[in-house]
Amino acid sequence: MIGRLHGKLIEKTPPQVLVDVGGVGYEVDVPMSTFCSLPAEGSEITLLTHFIVREDAQLLYGFATAAERQTFRALIRISGVGPRIALAVLSGMSTQDLADAVEQGNATLLTRVPGIGKKTADRLVLELKGKLAGNAFAPAGGAASAAQADILSALMALGYSEREAQASVRALPAEVTVSEGIRLALKALAR
């Protein structure tokens, strides 16, 4: 899986960017929140990514923050919500605004996002309740939460449930590195 890209920004055409990494150009779809924060073409950039392989395509999605990537992953787990709708949600509101709307049960706010109808908004509120606010990938923590989000992703990729992974990440020291955090979390989960 491609988890991160670092290279030169070659082209910006909403909602896609072209990033040159070692002579290979990667087409990456990004939410408008990430797109608007990108530097000028020719600059060095780093994007956290989510790679999707389908029968007819290989798709790469990029994000400026770990919170955006984790929110995207939470969104696409919901039945009927694909990557395009998840990008639309992230383009239409910040991760914190989405978390607040979900926790308050404000489906009306979600219907303001293009492509989100009443039924989809209700489903998002129902299925995301308790999964976005106050967890390890909330955006307020800066670098520490980015490391925690990577640790959480790694644990879930290894087959641990979201609840188990979040509990073990919360028990870690605040300034732990990703590799050390994964090691400590696995040790705690093995008990």
Foldseek 3Di string as FASTA:
>chain_A
DQFKAKAFFADDDPQWTWGQGPNDTDIAGEAVVQSVPDDDGGDIDMWGWDWDDDPVDIHIYTDPALLLVVQLVLQCVQPPGHNVNSSQQVNVDPLVVLLVCLQVVPLVVVCVRPPDDSVNSNSCSVSCHPPRPPFLQPPPLPPLSRLLSLLLVVVVVVPDDSVLSRVLSVPDDSPDGNVVSNVSSVVVVVD
